[in-house]
Amino acid sequence: MIGNQSDHMVGGKPLFVTVAETAELLRLSRRMVQLMCARGEIPTEKFGRCLRIPYAYLEERAANCGEKIQAA
C-alpha cells in the first residue's frame, strides 16, 4: 500500500468514493449507481479500470436536496 488513507483525504473527507460506497450513501443498489454513472447522471473519474465518484458531487447533491425539501 502506498501512503495511507489520510493521503487521499482533504479536510477529513475523501476526494473520491467507490461505486459501492456511493450506493451505500445514496441507499441505492450498486447496479443502479453503475447505470446512473453510465448514463452520465453521476459524474465519474476512471483510474485505470477503477471507477470513482467525486465526494464533492455527493455533498453538493445532498445540499441541493435539502433546499428542494425546504422550498416545498
N, C-alpha and C. Protein backbone atom coordinates (compact mmCIF):
# COMPACT_ATOMS: atom_id res chain seq x y z
N MET A 1 0.85 -1.18 0.00
CA MET A 1 0.00 0.00 0.00
C MET A 1 0.89 1.24 0.00
N ILE A 2 0.60 2.16 -0.88
CA ILE A 2 1.36 3.40 -0.97
C ILE A 2 0.67 4.45 -0.11
N GLY A 3 1.43 5.07 0.79
CA GLY A 3 0.84 6.10 1.65
C GLY A 3 -0.15 5.48 2.61
N ASN A 4 -1.05 6.31 3.10
CA ASN A 4 -2.10 5.80 3.98
C ASN A 4 -3.42 6.47 3.62
N GLN A 5 -4.47 6.06 4.29
CA GLN A 5 -5.81 6.54 3.98
C GLN A 5 -5.90 8.06 4.01
N SER A 6 -5.22 8.70 4.96
CA SER A 6 -5.32 10.16 5.10
C SER A 6 -4.69 10.90 3.93
N ASP A 7 -3.83 10.22 3.14
CA ASP A 7 -3.24 10.87 1.96
C ASP A 7 -4.30 11.18 0.91
N HIS A 8 -5.43 10.50 0.98
CA HIS A 8 -6.47 10.65 -0.02
C HIS A 8 -7.65 11.47 0.51
N MET A 9 -7.39 12.21 1.57
CA MET A 9 -8.45 12.97 2.22
C MET A 9 -8.10 14.46 2.18
N VAL A 10 -9.12 15.28 2.09
CA VAL A 10 -8.97 16.72 2.18
C VAL A 10 -9.97 17.21 3.21
N GLY A 11 -9.48 17.82 4.26
CA GLY A 11 -10.37 18.29 5.32
C GLY A 11 -11.12 17.15 5.98
N GLY A 12 -10.50 15.98 6.05
CA GLY A 12 -11.14 14.82 6.67
C GLY A 12 -12.15 14.12 5.79
N LYS A 13 -12.27 14.54 4.53
CA LYS A 13 -13.23 13.94 3.61
C LYS A 13 -12.47 13.35 2.42
N PRO A 14 -12.94 12.22 1.89
CA PRO A 14 -12.26 11.61 0.75
C PRO A 14 -12.46 12.44 -0.52
N LEU A 15 -11.48 12.39 -1.41
CA LEU A 15 -11.64 13.06 -2.71
C LEU A 15 -12.61 12.29 -3.59
N PHE A 16 -12.51 10.97 -3.56
CA PHE A 16 -13.35 10.11 -4.39
C PHE A 16 -13.86 8.95 -3.56
N VAL A 17 -15.01 8.41 -3.95
CA VAL A 17 -15.57 7.22 -3.31
C VAL A 17 -15.87 6.18 -4.39
N THR A 18 -15.96 4.95 -3.98
CA THR A 18 -16.24 3.86 -4.91
C THR A 18 -17.73 3.81 -5.24
N VAL A 19 -18.06 3.02 -6.23
CA VAL A 19 -19.47 2.80 -6.59
C VAL A 19 -20.21 2.20 -5.41
N ALA A 20 -19.59 1.23 -4.74
CA ALA A 20 -20.23 0.58 -3.59
C ALA A 20 -20.47 1.58 -2.46
N GLU A 21 -19.49 2.45 -2.19
CA GLU A 21 -19.65 3.45 -1.13
C GLU A 21 -20.75 4.45 -1.51
N THR A 22 -20.79 4.82 -2.78
CA THR A 22 -21.83 5.74 -3.26
C THR A 22 -23.21 5.11 -3.11
N ALA A 23 -23.32 3.84 -3.47
CA ALA A 23 -24.59 3.13 -3.35
C ALA A 23 -25.05 3.12 -1.90
N GLU A 24 -24.13 2.88 -0.99
CA GLU A 24 -24.49 2.85 0.43
C GLU A 24 -24.93 4.24 0.91
N LEU A 25 -24.21 5.28 0.50
CA LEU A 25 -24.56 6.64 0.90
C LEU A 25 -25.93 7.06 0.37
N LEU A 26 -26.23 6.68 -0.87
CA LEU A 26 -27.48 7.08 -1.51
C LEU A 26 -28.61 6.08 -1.26
N ARG A 27 -28.27 4.97 -0.60
CA ARG A 27 -29.24 3.90 -0.33
C ARG A 27 -29.85 3.36 -1.63
N LEU A 28 -28.96 3.12 -2.58
CA LEU A 28 -29.32 2.53 -3.86
C LEU A 28 -28.51 1.26 -4.04
N SER A 29 -28.88 0.44 -5.01
CA SER A 29 -28.09 -0.74 -5.30
C SER A 29 -26.84 -0.33 -6.08
N ARG A 30 -25.82 -1.18 -6.01
CA ARG A 30 -24.60 -0.91 -6.78
C ARG A 30 -24.93 -0.83 -8.26
N ARG A 31 -25.79 -1.72 -8.73
CA ARG A 31 -26.16 -1.74 -10.15
C ARG A 31 -26.83 -0.44 -10.58
N MET A 32 -27.70 0.11 -9.73
CA MET A 32 -28.37 1.38 -10.06
C MET A 32 -27.34 2.50 -10.16
N VAL A 33 -26.39 2.53 -9.26
CA VAL A 33 -25.35 3.56 -9.32
C VAL A 33 -24.51 3.37 -10.58
N GLN A 34 -24.18 2.13 -10.92
CA GLN A 34 -23.43 1.88 -12.15
C GLN A 34 -24.19 2.36 -13.38
N LEU A 35 -25.49 2.10 -13.42
CA LEU A 35 -26.31 2.56 -14.55
C LEU A 35 -26.37 4.08 -14.62
N MET A 36 -26.52 4.72 -13.47
CA MET A 36 -26.56 6.18 -13.43
C MET A 36 -25.23 6.78 -13.89
N CYS A 37 -24.14 6.14 -13.53
CA CYS A 37 -22.82 6.58 -13.99
C CYS A 37 -22.71 6.42 -15.51
N ALA A 38 -23.15 5.28 -16.02
CA ALA A 38 -23.08 5.01 -17.46
C ALA A 38 -23.92 6.00 -18.26
N ARG A 39 -25.06 6.43 -17.70
CA ARG A 39 -25.93 7.40 -18.38
C ARG A 39 -25.45 8.83 -18.20
N GLY A 40 -24.44 9.04 -17.38
CA GLY A 40 -23.91 10.38 -17.16
C GLY A 40 -24.66 11.16 -16.09
N GLU A 41 -25.51 10.49 -15.33
CA GLU A 41 -26.26 11.16 -14.28
C GLU A 41 -25.40 11.42 -13.04
N ILE A 42 -24.37 10.62 -12.87
CA ILE A 42 -23.41 10.79 -11.79
C ILE A 42 -22.05 10.94 -12.45
N PRO A 43 -21.33 12.02 -12.15
CA PRO A 43 -20.00 12.21 -12.76
C PRO A 43 -19.01 11.19 -12.21
N THR A 44 -18.11 10.76 -13.05
CA THR A 44 -17.12 9.76 -12.64
C THR A 44 -15.73 10.13 -13.13
N GLU A 45 -14.76 9.53 -12.51
CA GLU A 45 -13.36 9.58 -12.93
C GLU A 45 -12.89 8.15 -13.02
N LYS A 46 -12.13 7.83 -14.05
CA LYS A 46 -11.58 6.49 -14.17
C LYS A 46 -10.10 6.53 -13.84
N PHE A 47 -9.68 5.60 -13.03
CA PHE A 47 -8.29 5.41 -12.68
C PHE A 47 -7.95 3.99 -13.11
N GLY A 48 -7.42 3.88 -14.33
CA GLY A 48 -7.24 2.55 -14.91
C GLY A 48 -8.61 1.98 -15.19
N ARG A 49 -8.90 0.83 -14.60
CA ARG A 49 -10.22 0.21 -14.76
C ARG A 49 -11.15 0.55 -13.62
N CYS A 50 -10.68 1.32 -12.66
CA CYS A 50 -11.48 1.65 -11.48
C CYS A 50 -12.30 2.92 -11.70
N LEU A 51 -13.56 2.86 -11.37
CA LEU A 51 -14.47 3.98 -11.50
C LEU A 51 -14.65 4.61 -10.12
N ARG A 52 -14.50 5.92 -10.04
CA ARG A 52 -14.65 6.63 -8.78
C ARG A 52 -15.57 7.83 -8.96
N ILE A 53 -16.28 8.18 -7.90
CA ILE A 53 -17.21 9.30 -7.91
C ILE A 53 -16.66 10.38 -6.99
N PRO A 54 -16.62 11.64 -7.47
CA PRO A 54 -16.13 12.72 -6.61
C PRO A 54 -17.04 12.90 -5.39
N TYR A 55 -16.46 12.88 -4.21
CA TYR A 55 -17.23 13.04 -2.98
C TYR A 55 -17.89 14.42 -2.94
N ALA A 56 -17.23 15.42 -3.50
CA ALA A 56 -17.78 16.78 -3.52
C ALA A 56 -19.12 16.81 -4.26
N TYR A 57 -19.26 16.00 -5.31
CA TYR A 57 -20.52 15.93 -6.05
C TYR A 57 -21.64 15.42 -5.14
N LEU A 58 -21.35 14.38 -4.36
CA LEU A 58 -22.36 13.82 -3.46
C LEU A 58 -22.77 14.83 -2.40
N GLU A 59 -21.81 15.58 -1.88
CA GLU A 59 -22.13 16.63 -0.90
C GLU A 59 -23.01 17.71 -1.52
N GLU A 60 -22.67 18.10 -2.75
CA GLU A 60 -23.44 19.13 -3.45
C GLU A 60 -24.88 18.67 -3.69
N ARG A 61 -25.03 17.42 -4.13
CA ARG A 61 -26.38 16.88 -4.37
C ARG A 61 -27.18 16.83 -3.08
N ALA A 62 -26.54 16.45 -1.99
CA ALA A 62 -27.22 16.37 -0.69
C ALA A 62 -27.68 17.76 -0.26
N ALA A 63 -26.85 18.77 -0.46
CA ALA A 63 -27.20 20.13 -0.10
C ALA A 63 -28.38 20.62 -0.95
N ASN A 64 -28.38 20.30 -2.23
CA ASN A 64 -29.46 20.70 -3.12
C ASN A 64 -30.76 20.02 -2.77
N CYS A 65 -30.71 18.78 -2.34
CA CYS A 65 -31.92 18.07 -1.91
C CYS A 65 -32.54 18.76 -0.71
N GLY A 66 -31.72 19.21 0.21
CA GLY A 66 -32.22 19.92 1.38
C GLY A 66 -32.92 21.21 1.01
N GLU A 67 -32.40 21.93 0.03
CA GLU A 67 -33.03 23.17 -0.45
C GLU A 67 -34.38 22.88 -1.07
N LYS A 68 -34.47 21.80 -1.86
CA LYS A 68 -35.74 21.46 -2.51
C LYS A 68 -36.81 21.08 -1.49
N ILE A 69 -36.42 20.38 -0.45
CA ILE A 69 -37.37 19.97 0.59
C ILE A 69 -37.89 21.21 1.33
N GLN A 70 -37.01 22.17 1.66
CA GLN A 70 -37.41 23.36 2.36
C GLN A 70 -38.31 24.24 1.51
N ALA A 71 -38.11 24.24 0.19
CA ALA A 71 -38.90 25.07 -0.71
C ALA A 71 -40.32 24.52 -0.89
N ALA A 72 -40.50 23.25 -0.67
CA ALA A 72 -41.81 22.61 -0.89
C ALA A 72 -42.83 23.01 0.15
